[in-house]
PDB file of all heavy atoms in Angstrom:
ATOM      1  N   PHE A   1      47.126 -25.796   5.006  1.00  0.00           N
ATOM      2  CA  PHE A   1      46.775 -24.416   5.351  1.00  0.00           C
ATOM      3  C   PHE A   1      46.127 -23.718   4.158  1.00  0.00           C
ATOM      4  O   PHE A   1      45.101 -23.029   4.298  1.00  0.00           O
ATOM      5  CB  PHE A   1      48.045 -23.676   5.796  1.00  0.00           C
ATOM      6  CG  PHE A   1      47.779 -22.479   6.643  1.00  0.00           C
ATOM      7  CD1 PHE A   1      47.491 -22.610   7.987  1.00  0.00           C
ATOM      8  CD2 PHE A   1      47.824 -21.208   6.091  1.00  0.00           C
ATOM      9  CE1 PHE A   1      47.253 -21.500   8.771  1.00  0.00           C
ATOM     10  CE2 PHE A   1      47.577 -20.090   6.864  1.00  0.00           C
ATOM     11  CZ  PHE A   1      47.297 -20.234   8.208  1.00  0.00           C
ATOM     12  N   GLU A   2      46.691 -23.903   2.973  1.00  0.00           N
ATOM     13  CA  GLU A   2      46.139 -23.311   1.746  1.00  0.00           C
ATOM     14  C   GLU A   2      44.753 -23.871   1.439  1.00  0.00           C
ATOM     15  O   GLU A   2      43.852 -23.131   1.030  1.00  0.00           O
ATOM     16  CB  GLU A   2      47.065 -23.592   0.555  1.00  0.00           C
ATOM     17  CG  GLU A   2      48.328 -22.784   0.548  1.00  0.00           C
ATOM     18  CD  GLU A   2      48.090 -21.370   0.054  1.00  0.00           C
ATOM     19  OE1 GLU A   2      47.201 -21.159  -0.786  1.00  0.00           O
ATOM     20  OE2 GLU A   2      48.797 -20.479   0.534  1.00  0.00           O
ATOM     21  N   ARG A   3      44.577 -25.164   1.666  1.00  0.00           N
ATOM     22  CA  ARG A   3      43.282 -25.788   1.405  1.00  0.00           C
ATOM     23  C   ARG A   3      42.208 -25.212   2.320  1.00  0.00           C
ATOM     24  O   ARG A   3      41.108 -24.878   1.872  1.00  0.00           O
ATOM     25  CB  ARG A   3      43.386 -27.300   1.591  1.00  0.00           C
ATOM     26  CG  ARG A   3      42.160 -28.070   1.122  1.00  0.00           C
ATOM     27  CD  ARG A   3      42.364 -29.573   1.222  1.00  0.00           C
ATOM     28  NE  ARG A   3      42.667 -30.032   2.561  1.00  0.00           N
ATOM     29  CZ  ARG A   3      41.761 -30.167   3.540  1.00  0.00           C
ATOM     30  NH1 ARG A   3      40.514 -29.863   3.345  1.00  0.00           N
ATOM     31  NH2 ARG A   3      42.123 -30.624   4.724  1.00  0.00           N
ATOM     32  N   ARG A   4      42.521 -25.055   3.594  1.00  0.00           N
ATOM     33  CA  ARG A   4      41.553 -24.476   4.531  1.00  0.00           C
ATOM     34  C   ARG A   4      41.260 -23.012   4.205  1.00  0.00           C
ATOM     35  O   ARG A   4      40.123 -22.566   4.286  1.00  0.00           O
ATOM     36  CB  ARG A   4      42.055 -24.614   5.969  1.00  0.00           C
ATOM     37  CG  ARG A   4      41.796 -26.009   6.506  1.00  0.00           C
ATOM     38  CD  ARG A   4      41.983 -26.054   7.990  1.00  0.00           C
ATOM     39  NE  ARG A   4      43.338 -26.533   8.241  1.00  0.00           N
ATOM     40  CZ  ARG A   4      44.097 -26.173   9.247  1.00  0.00           C
ATOM     41  NH1 ARG A   4      43.679 -25.307  10.129  1.00  0.00           N
ATOM     42  NH2 ARG A   4      45.307 -26.669   9.384  1.00  0.00           N
ATOM     43  N   ALA A   5      42.285 -22.275   3.835  1.00  0.00           N
ATOM     44  CA  ALA A   5      42.083 -20.868   3.461  1.00  0.00           C
ATOM     45  C   ALA A   5      41.229 -20.761   2.206  1.00  0.00           C
ATOM     46  O   ALA A   5      40.337 -19.905   2.114  1.00  0.00           O
ATOM     47  CB  ALA A   5      43.428 -20.175   3.254  1.00  0.00           C
ATOM     48  N   GLY A   6      41.454 -21.643   1.246  1.00  0.00           N
ATOM     49  CA  GLY A   6      40.650 -21.646   0.026  1.00  0.00           C
ATOM     50  C   GLY A   6      39.199 -22.000   0.301  1.00  0.00           C
ATOM     51  O   GLY A   6      38.275 -21.407  -0.276  1.00  0.00           O
ATOM     52  N   ARG A   7      38.976 -22.951   1.203  1.00  0.00           N
ATOM     53  CA  ARG A   7      37.615 -23.315   1.574  1.00  0.00           C
ATOM     54  C   ARG A   7      36.918 -22.137   2.262  1.00  0.00           C
ATOM     55  O   ARG A   7      35.753 -21.844   1.993  1.00  0.00           O
ATOM     56  CB  ARG A   7      37.627 -24.524   2.503  1.00  0.00           C
ATOM     57  CG  ARG A   7      36.236 -25.077   2.728  1.00  0.00           C
ATOM     58  CD  ARG A   7      36.183 -26.331   3.590  1.00  0.00           C
ATOM     59  NE  ARG A   7      37.346 -27.167   3.508  1.00  0.00           N
ATOM     60  CZ  ARG A   7      37.999 -27.647   4.581  1.00  0.00           C
ATOM     61  NH1 ARG A   7      37.614 -27.352   5.789  1.00  0.00           N
ATOM     62  NH2 ARG A   7      39.039 -28.432   4.426  1.00  0.00           N
ATOM     63  N   GLN A   8      37.662 -21.438   3.118  1.00  0.00           N
ATOM     64  CA  GLN A   8      37.102 -20.270   3.802  1.00  0.00           C
ATOM     65  C   GLN A   8      36.745 -19.177   2.791  1.00  0.00           C
ATOM     66  O   GLN A   8      35.674 -18.573   2.871  1.00  0.00           O
ATOM     67  CB  GLN A   8      38.110 -19.747   4.818  1.00  0.00           C
ATOM     68  CG  GLN A   8      37.575 -18.657   5.704  1.00  0.00           C
ATOM     69  CD  GLN A   8      38.585 -18.243   6.764  1.00  0.00           C
ATOM     70  OE1 GLN A   8      39.719 -18.735   6.810  1.00  0.00           O
ATOM     71  NE2 GLN A   8      38.175 -17.340   7.621  1.00  0.00           N
ATOM     72  N   GLN A   9      37.606 -18.944   1.837  1.00  0.00           N
ATOM     73  CA  GLN A   9      37.308 -17.966   0.786  1.00  0.00           C
ATOM     74  C   GLN A   9      36.101 -18.402  -0.042  1.00  0.00           C
ATOM     75  O   GLN A   9      35.260 -17.574  -0.412  1.00  0.00           O
ATOM     76  CB  GLN A   9      38.507 -17.781  -0.138  1.00  0.00           C
ATOM     77  CG  GLN A   9      39.559 -16.871   0.408  1.00  0.00           C
ATOM     78  CD  GLN A   9      40.685 -16.685  -0.593  1.00  0.00           C
ATOM     79  OE1 GLN A   9      41.118 -17.641  -1.247  1.00  0.00           O
ATOM     80  NE2 GLN A   9      41.165 -15.462  -0.714  1.00  0.00           N
ATOM     81  N   GLY A  10      36.002 -19.674  -0.338  1.00  0.00           N
ATOM     82  CA  GLY A  10      34.873 -20.194  -1.101  1.00  0.00           C
ATOM     83  C   GLY A  10      33.540 -19.974  -0.390  1.00  0.00           C
ATOM     84  O   GLY A  10      32.551 -19.563  -1.002  1.00  0.00           O
ATOM     85  N   TRP A  11      33.502 -20.247   0.913  1.00  0.00           N
ATOM     86  CA  TRP A  11      32.290 -19.983   1.685  1.00  0.00           C
ATOM     87  C   TRP A  11      31.965 -18.493   1.677  1.00  0.00           C
ATOM     88  O   TRP A  11      30.796 -18.101   1.575  1.00  0.00           O
ATOM     89  CB  TRP A  11      32.440 -20.475   3.122  1.00  0.00           C
ATOM     90  CG  TRP A  11      32.098 -21.926   3.277  1.00  0.00           C
ATOM     91  CD1 TRP A  11      32.967 -22.970   3.365  1.00  0.00           C
ATOM     92  CD2 TRP A  11      30.783 -22.482   3.331  1.00  0.00           C
ATOM     93  NE1 TRP A  11      32.275 -24.146   3.475  1.00  0.00           N
ATOM     94  CE2 TRP A  11      30.924 -23.873   3.464  1.00  0.00           C
ATOM     95  CE3 TRP A  11      29.517 -21.941   3.280  1.00  0.00           C
ATOM     96  CZ2 TRP A  11      29.841 -24.725   3.554  1.00  0.00           C
ATOM     97  CZ3 TRP A  11      28.422 -22.800   3.372  1.00  0.00           C
ATOM     98  CH2 TRP A  11      28.598 -24.174   3.502  1.00  0.00           C
ATOM     99  N   GLY A  12      32.987 -17.661   1.776  1.00  0.00           N
ATOM    100  CA  GLY A  12      32.766 -16.223   1.746  1.00  0.00           C
ATOM    101  C   GLY A  12      32.162 -15.774   0.423  1.00  0.00           C
ATOM    102  O   GLY A  12      31.197 -14.999   0.399  1.00  0.00           O
ATOM    103  N   VAL A  13      32.692 -16.273  -0.672  1.00  0.00           N
ATOM    104  CA  VAL A  13      32.161 -15.920  -1.989  1.00  0.00           C
ATOM    105  C   VAL A  13      30.726 -16.422  -2.126  1.00  0.00           C
ATOM    106  O   VAL A  13      29.844 -15.712  -2.631  1.00  0.00           O
ATOM    107  CB  VAL A  13      33.058 -16.481  -3.116  1.00  0.00           C
ATOM    108  CG1 VAL A  13      32.374 -16.406  -4.457  1.00  0.00           C
ATOM    109  CG2 VAL A  13      34.376 -15.747  -3.142  1.00  0.00           C
ATOM    110  N   GLY A  14      30.468 -17.640  -1.667  1.00  0.00           N
ATOM    111  CA  GLY A  14      29.115 -18.191  -1.745  1.00  0.00           C
ATOM    112  C   GLY A  14      28.102 -17.354  -0.977  1.00  0.00           C
ATOM    113  O   GLY A  14      27.004 -17.071  -1.471  1.00  0.00           O
ATOM    114  N   LEU A  15      28.454 -16.954   0.230  1.00  0.00           N
ATOM    115  CA  LEU A  15      27.548 -16.123   1.016  1.00  0.00           C
ATOM    116  C   LEU A  15      27.352 -14.745   0.396  1.00  0.00           C
ATOM    117  O   LEU A  15      26.247 -14.187   0.437  1.00  0.00           O
ATOM    118  CB  LEU A  15      28.058 -15.995   2.452  1.00  0.00           C
ATOM    119  CG  LEU A  15      27.878 -17.244   3.317  1.00  0.00           C
ATOM    120  CD1 LEU A  15      28.574 -17.072   4.658  1.00  0.00           C
ATOM    121  CD2 LEU A  15      26.403 -17.544   3.520  1.00  0.00           C
ATOM    122  N   MET A  16      28.411 -14.190  -0.196  1.00  0.00           N
ATOM    123  CA  MET A  16      28.255 -12.895  -0.859  1.00  0.00           C
ATOM    124  C   MET A  16      27.373 -13.017  -2.103  1.00  0.00           C
ATOM    125  O   MET A  16      26.622 -12.089  -2.422  1.00  0.00           O
ATOM    126  CB  MET A  16      29.621 -12.298  -1.194  1.00  0.00           C
ATOM    127  CG  MET A  16      30.336 -11.752   0.038  1.00  0.00           C
ATOM    128  SD  MET A  16      31.792 -10.780  -0.317  1.00  0.00           S
ATOM    129  CE  MET A  16      32.927 -12.010  -0.896  1.00  0.00           C
ATOM    130  N   VAL A  17      27.426 -14.139  -2.792  1.00  0.00           N
ATOM    131  CA  VAL A  17      26.546 -14.356  -3.950  1.00  0.00           C
ATOM    132  C   VAL A  17      25.089 -14.411  -3.486  1.00  0.00           C
ATOM    133  O   VAL A  17      24.200 -13.836  -4.125  1.00  0.00           O
ATOM    134  CB  VAL A  17      26.945 -15.639  -4.715  1.00  0.00           C
ATOM    135  CG1 VAL A  17      25.869 -16.083  -5.685  1.00  0.00           C
ATOM    136  CG2 VAL A  17      28.260 -15.425  -5.436  1.00  0.00           C
ATOM    137  N   VAL A  18      24.835 -15.083  -2.353  1.00  0.00           N
ATOM    138  CA  VAL A  18      23.481 -15.120  -1.794  1.00  0.00           C
ATOM    139  C   VAL A  18      23.013 -13.706  -1.461  1.00  0.00           C
ATOM    140  O   VAL A  18      21.884 -13.314  -1.775  1.00  0.00           O
ATOM    141  CB  VAL A  18      23.429 -16.029  -0.542  1.00  0.00           C
ATOM    142  CG1 VAL A  18      22.122 -15.849   0.220  1.00  0.00           C
ATOM    143  CG2 VAL A  18      23.630 -17.476  -0.932  1.00  0.00           C
ATOM    144  N   ALA A  19      23.881 -12.917  -0.834  1.00  0.00           N
ATOM    145  CA  ALA A  19      23.523 -11.537  -0.474  1.00  0.00           C
ATOM    146  C   ALA A  19      23.250 -10.697  -1.717  1.00  0.00           C
ATOM    147  O   ALA A  19      22.284  -9.922  -1.750  1.00  0.00           O
ATOM    148  CB  ALA A  19      24.634 -10.911   0.360  1.00  0.00           C
ATOM    149  N   VAL A  20      24.066 -10.848  -2.743  1.00  0.00           N
ATOM    150  CA  VAL A  20      23.856 -10.089  -3.982  1.00  0.00           C
ATOM    151  C   VAL A  20      22.516 -10.486  -4.617  1.00  0.00           C
ATOM    152  O   VAL A  20      21.771  -9.618  -5.106  1.00  0.00           O
ATOM    153  CB  VAL A  20      25.023 -10.309  -4.971  1.00  0.00           C
ATOM    154  CG1 VAL A  20      24.671  -9.859  -6.370  1.00  0.00           C
ATOM    155  CG2 VAL A  20      26.254  -9.589  -4.470  1.00  0.00           C
ATOM    156  N   ALA A  21      22.189 -11.766  -4.597  1.00  0.00           N
ATOM    157  CA  ALA A  21      20.905 -12.215  -5.150  1.00  0.00           C
ATOM    158  C   ALA A  21      19.738 -11.583  -4.392  1.00  0.00           C
ATOM    159  O   ALA A  21      18.760 -11.129  -4.998  1.00  0.00           O
ATOM    160  CB  ALA A  21      20.812 -13.735  -5.117  1.00  0.00           C
ATOM    161  N   LEU A  22      19.847 -11.540  -3.071  1.00  0.00           N
ATOM    162  CA  LEU A  22      18.785 -10.918  -2.280  1.00  0.00           C
ATOM    163  C   LEU A  22      18.688  -9.420  -2.549  1.00  0.00           C
ATOM    164  O   LEU A  22      17.584  -8.870  -2.654  1.00  0.00           O
ATOM    165  CB  LEU A  22      19.013 -11.180  -0.790  1.00  0.00           C
ATOM    166  CG  LEU A  22      18.723 -12.604  -0.316  1.00  0.00           C
ATOM    167  CD1 LEU A  22      19.220 -12.811   1.106  1.00  0.00           C
ATOM    168  CD2 LEU A  22      17.249 -12.916  -0.420  1.00  0.00           C
ATOM    169  N   PHE A  23      19.818  -8.740  -2.669  1.00  0.00           N
ATOM    170  CA  PHE A  23      19.789  -7.305  -2.975  1.00  0.00           C
ATOM    171  C   PHE A  23      19.222  -7.047  -4.377  1.00  0.00           C
ATOM    172  O   PHE A  23      18.504  -6.065  -4.592  1.00  0.00           O
ATOM    173  CB  PHE A  23      21.183  -6.684  -2.838  1.00  0.00           C
ATOM    174  CG  PHE A  23      21.564  -6.373  -1.423  1.00  0.00           C
ATOM    175  CD1 PHE A  23      22.733  -6.878  -0.881  1.00  0.00           C
ATOM    176  CD2 PHE A  23      20.772  -5.563  -0.620  1.00  0.00           C
ATOM    177  CE1 PHE A  23      23.098  -6.593   0.425  1.00  0.00           C
ATOM    178  CE2 PHE A  23      21.121  -5.274   0.686  1.00  0.00           C
ATOM    179  CZ  PHE A  23      22.284  -5.788   1.209  1.00  0.00           C
ATOM    180  N   LEU A  24      19.541  -7.911  -5.344  1.00  0.00           N
ATOM    181  CA  LEU A  24      18.968  -7.764  -6.686  1.00  0.00           C
ATOM    182  C   LEU A  24      17.453  -7.973  -6.667  1.00  0.00           C
ATOM    183  O   LEU A  24      16.712  -7.270  -7.347  1.00  0.00           O
ATOM    184  CB  LEU A  24      19.635  -8.734  -7.662  1.00  0.00           C
ATOM    185  CG  LEU A  24      21.060  -8.386  -8.067  1.00  0.00           C
ATOM    186  CD1 LEU A  24      21.663  -9.510  -8.903  1.00  0.00           C
ATOM    187  CD2 LEU A  24      21.106  -7.077  -8.821  1.00  0.00           C
ATOM    188  N   TRP A  25      17.015  -8.950  -5.887  1.00  0.00           N
ATOM    189  CA  TRP A  25      15.587  -9.188  -5.754  1.00  0.00           C
ATOM    190  C   TRP A  25      14.903  -7.968  -5.127  1.00  0.00           C
ATOM    191  O   TRP A  25      13.843  -7.534  -5.587  1.00  0.00           O
ATOM    192  CB  TRP A  25      15.348 -10.445  -4.932  1.00  0.00           C
ATOM    193  CG  TRP A  25      13.899 -10.836  -4.777  1.00  0.00           C
ATOM    194  CD1 TRP A  25      12.885 -10.641  -5.674  1.00  0.00           C
ATOM    195  CD2 TRP A  25      13.319 -11.493  -3.659  1.00  0.00           C
ATOM    196  NE1 TRP A  25      11.709 -11.149  -5.173  1.00  0.00           N
ATOM    197  CE2 TRP A  25      11.943 -11.679  -3.942  1.00  0.00           C
ATOM    198  CE3 TRP A  25      13.827 -11.971  -2.464  1.00  0.00           C
ATOM    199  CZ2 TRP A  25      11.080 -12.310  -3.048  1.00  0.00           C
ATOM    200  CZ3 TRP A  25      12.959 -12.595  -1.583  1.00  0.00           C
ATOM    201  CH2 TRP A  25      11.602 -12.755  -1.878  1.00  0.00           C
ATOM    202  N   LEU A  26      15.517  -7.406  -4.109  1.00  0.00           N
ATOM    203  CA  LEU A  26      14.981  -6.200  -3.478  1.00  0.00           C
ATOM    204  C   LEU A  26      14.918  -5.055  -4.492  1.00  0.00           C
ATOM    205  O   LEU A  26      13.917  -4.337  -4.566  1.00  0.00           O
ATOM    206  CB  LEU A  26      15.829  -5.799  -2.275  1.00  0.00           C
ATOM    207  CG  LEU A  26      15.433  -4.506  -1.568  1.00  0.00           C
ATOM    208  CD1 LEU A  26      14.026  -4.615  -0.996  1.00  0.00           C
ATOM    209  CD2 LEU A  26      16.434  -4.177  -0.472  1.00  0.00           C
ATOM    210  N   GLY A  27      15.964  -4.883  -5.270  1.00  0.00           N
ATOM    211  CA  GLY A  27      15.961  -3.847  -6.294  1.00  0.00           C
ATOM    212  C   GLY A  27      14.854  -4.070  -7.309  1.00  0.00           C
ATOM    213  O   GLY A  27      14.179  -3.121  -7.729  1.00  0.00           O
ATOM    214  N   TYR A  28      14.645  -5.305  -7.707  1.00  0.00           N
ATOM    215  CA  TYR A  28      13.564  -5.624  -8.640  1.00  0.00           C
ATOM    216  C   TYR A  28      12.209  -5.252  -8.038  1.00  0.00           C
ATOM    217  O   TYR A  28      11.372  -4.638  -8.691  1.00  0.00           O
ATOM    218  CB  TYR A  28      13.611  -7.122  -8.987  1.00  0.00           C
ATOM    219  CG  TYR A  28      12.431  -7.584  -9.794  1.00  0.00           C
ATOM    220  CD1 TYR A  28      12.356  -7.336 -11.148  1.00  0.00           C
ATOM    221  CD2 TYR A  28      11.373  -8.268  -9.183  1.00  0.00           C
ATOM    222  CE1 TYR A  28      11.263  -7.754 -11.895  1.00  0.00           C
ATOM    223  CE2 TYR A  28      10.285  -8.681  -9.916  1.00  0.00           C
ATOM    224  CZ  TYR A  28      10.229  -8.427 -11.270  1.00  0.00           C
ATOM    225  OH  TYR A  28       9.146  -8.830 -11.998  1.00  0.00           O
ATOM    226  N   LEU A  29      11.995  -5.628  -6.768  1.00  0.00           N
ATOM    227  CA  LEU A  29      10.720  -5.328  -6.118  1.00  0.00           C
ATOM    228  C   LEU A  29      10.494  -3.834  -5.955  1.00  0.00           C
ATOM    229  O   LEU A  29       9.362  -3.359  -6.009  1.00  0.00           O
ATOM    230  CB  LEU A  29      10.652  -6.019  -4.752  1.00  0.00           C
ATOM    231  CG  LEU A  29      10.566  -7.539  -4.763  1.00  0.00           C
ATOM    232  CD1 LEU A  29      10.642  -8.082  -3.344  1.00  0.00           C
ATOM    233  CD2 LEU A  29       9.315  -8.023  -5.458  1.00  0.00           C
ATOM    234  N   LEU A  30      11.560  -3.081  -5.761  1.00  0.00           N
ATOM    235  CA  LEU A  30      11.430  -1.639  -5.537  1.00  0.00           C
ATOM    236  C   LEU A  30      11.358  -0.821  -6.823  1.00  0.00           C
ATOM    237  O   LEU A  30      10.715   0.219  -6.858  1.00  0.00           O
ATOM    238  CB  LEU A  30      12.608  -1.133  -4.701  1.00  0.00           C
ATOM    239  CG  LEU A  30      12.574  -1.445  -3.215  1.00  0.00           C
ATOM    240  CD1 LEU A  30      13.892  -1.029  -2.572  1.00  0.00           C
ATOM    241  CD2 LEU A  30      11.410  -0.760  -2.537  1.00  0.00           C
ATOM    242  N   LEU A  31      12.019  -1.259  -7.886  1.00  0.00           N
ATOM    243  CA  LEU A  31      12.216  -0.411  -9.051  1.00  0.00           C
ATOM    244  C   LEU A  31      11.420  -0.779 -10.301  1.00  0.00           C
ATOM    245  O   LEU A  31      11.339   0.025 -11.228  1.00  0.00           O
ATOM    246  CB  LEU A  31      13.708  -0.388  -9.410  1.00  0.00           C
ATOM    247  CG  LEU A  31      14.641   0.097  -8.301  1.00  0.00           C
ATOM    248  CD1 LEU A  31      16.082  -0.105  -8.709  1.00  0.00           C
ATOM    249  CD2 LEU A  31      14.360   1.543  -7.962  1.00  0.00           C
ATOM    250  N   ILE A  32      10.857  -1.965 -10.351  1.00  0.00           N
ATOM    251  CA  ILE A  32      10.194  -2.427 -11.568  1.00  0.00           C
ATOM    252  C   ILE A  32       8.669  -2.317 -11.417  1.00  0.00           C
ATOM    253  O   ILE A  32       8.108  -2.822 -10.443  1.00  0.00           O
ATOM    254  CB  ILE A  32      10.580  -3.894 -11.878  1.00  0.00           C
ATOM    255  CG1 ILE A  32      12.096  -4.042 -11.979  1.00  0.00           C
ATOM    256  CG2 ILE A  32       9.876  -4.384 -13.138  1.00  0.00           C
ATOM    257  CD1 ILE A  32      12.727  -3.236 -13.086  1.00  0.00           C
ATOM    258  N   PRO A  33       7.986  -1.675 -12.377  1.00  0.00           N
ATOM    259  CA  PRO A  33       6.518  -1.635 -12.340  1.00  0.00           C
ATOM    260  C   PRO A  33       5.949  -3.047 -12.485  1.00  0.00           C
ATOM    261  O   PRO A  33       6.586  -3.936 -13.049  1.00  0.00           O
ATOM    262  CB  PRO A  33       6.142  -0.786 -13.546  1.00  0.00           C
ATOM    263  CG  PRO A  33       7.380  -0.182 -14.042  1.00  0.00           C
ATOM    264  CD  PRO A  33       8.532  -0.940 -13.498  1.00  0.00           C
ATOM    265  N   PHE A  34       4.719  -3.246 -12.011  1.00  0.00           N
ATOM    266  CA  PHE A  34       4.144  -4.583 -12.019  1.00  0.00           C
ATOM    267  C   PHE A  34       2.636  -4.502 -12.245  1.00  0.00           C
ATOM    268  O   PHE A  34       2.044  -3.424 -12.220  1.00  0.00           O
ATOM    269  CB  PHE A  34       4.473  -5.322 -10.721  1.00  0.00           C
ATOM    270  CG  PHE A  34       3.977  -4.639  -9.486  1.00  0.00           C
ATOM    271  CD1 PHE A  34       2.816  -5.051  -8.869  1.00  0.00           C
ATOM    272  CD2 PHE A  34       4.683  -3.568  -8.924  1.00  0.00           C
ATOM    273  CE1 PHE A  34       2.355  -4.422  -7.729  1.00  0.00           C
ATOM    274  CE2 PHE A  34       4.232  -2.948  -7.778  1.00  0.00           C
ATOM    275  CZ  PHE A  34       3.059  -3.368  -7.188  1.00  0.00           C
ATOM    276  N   THR A  35       2.037  -5.661 -12.437  1.00  0.00           N
ATOM    277  CA  THR A  35       0.595  -5.759 -12.665  1.00  0.00           C
ATOM    278  C   THR A  35      -0.029  -6.592 -11.560  1.00  0.00           C
ATOM    279  O   THR A  35       0.509  -7.630 -11.174  1.00  0.00           O
ATOM    280  CB  THR A  35       0.319  -6.441 -14.019  1.00  0.00           C
ATOM    281  OG1 THR A  35       0.982  -5.706 -15.035  1.00  0.00           O
ATOM    282  CG2 THR A  35      -1.162  -6.501 -14.317  1.00  0.00           C
ATOM    283  N   VAL A  36      -1.168  -6.128 -11.061  1.00  0.00           N
ATOM    284  CA  VAL A  36      -1.919  -6.867 -10.045  1.00  0.00           C
ATOM    285  C   VAL A  36      -3.183  -7.395 -10.699  1.00  0.00           C
ATOM    286  O   VAL A  36      -3.919  -6.638 -11.339  1.00  0.00           O
ATOM    287  CB  VAL A  36      -2.274  -5.952  -8.853  1.00  0.00           C
ATOM    288  CG1 VAL A  36      -3.164  -6.690  -7.872  1.00  0.00           C
ATOM    289  CG2 VAL A  36      -1.029  -5.454  -8.174  1.00  0.00           C
ATOM    290  N   HIS A  37      -3.422  -8.678 -10.562  1.00  0.00           N
ATOM    291  CA  HIS A  37      -4.631  -9.307 -11.101  1.00  0.00           C
ATOM    292  C   HIS A  37      -5.663  -9.381  -9.980  1.00  0.00           C
ATOM    293  O   HIS A  37      -5.405  -9.951  -8.931  1.00  0.00           O
ATOM    294  CB  HIS A  37      -4.333 -10.706 -11.633  1.00  0.00           C
ATOM    295  CG  HIS A  37      -3.293 -10.709 -12.697  1.00  0.00           C
ATOM    296  ND1 HIS A  37      -3.561 -10.326 -13.983  1.00  0.00           N
ATOM    297  CD2 HIS A  37      -1.973 -11.033 -12.667  1.00  0.00           C
ATOM    298  CE1 HIS A  37      -2.467 -10.419 -14.711  1.00  0.00           C
ATOM    299  NE2 HIS A  37      -1.481 -10.851 -13.930  1.00  0.00           N
ATOM    300  N   HIS A  38      -6.831  -8.790 -10.220  1.00  0.00           N
ATOM    301  CA  HIS A  38      -7.895  -8.814  -9.225  1.00  0.00           C
ATOM    302  C   HIS A  38      -9.181  -9.207  -9.942  1.00  0.00           C
ATOM    303  O   HIS A  38      -9.699  -8.445 -10.752  1.00  0.00           O
ATOM    304  CB  HIS A  38      -8.024  -7.438  -8.557  1.00  0.00           C
ATOM    305  CG  HIS A  38      -9.035  -7.399  -7.471  1.00  0.00           C
ATOM    306  ND1 HIS A  38      -8.852  -8.064  -6.291  1.00  0.00           N
ATOM    307  CD2 HIS A  38     -10.243  -6.792  -7.394  1.00  0.00           C
ATOM    308  CE1 HIS A  38      -9.898  -7.853  -5.513  1.00  0.00           C
ATOM    309  NE2 HIS A  38     -10.758  -7.086  -6.165  1.00  0.00           N
TER     310      HIS A  38
END
């Protein structure tokens, strides 16, 4: 039971890390000035 609960928590943490990475990327795209090469 503990092993299954730990695996479930691990998947939850992994998915939250993915979400945090996407939110950080969004913040970077919205808040950081950039250069366009034309």
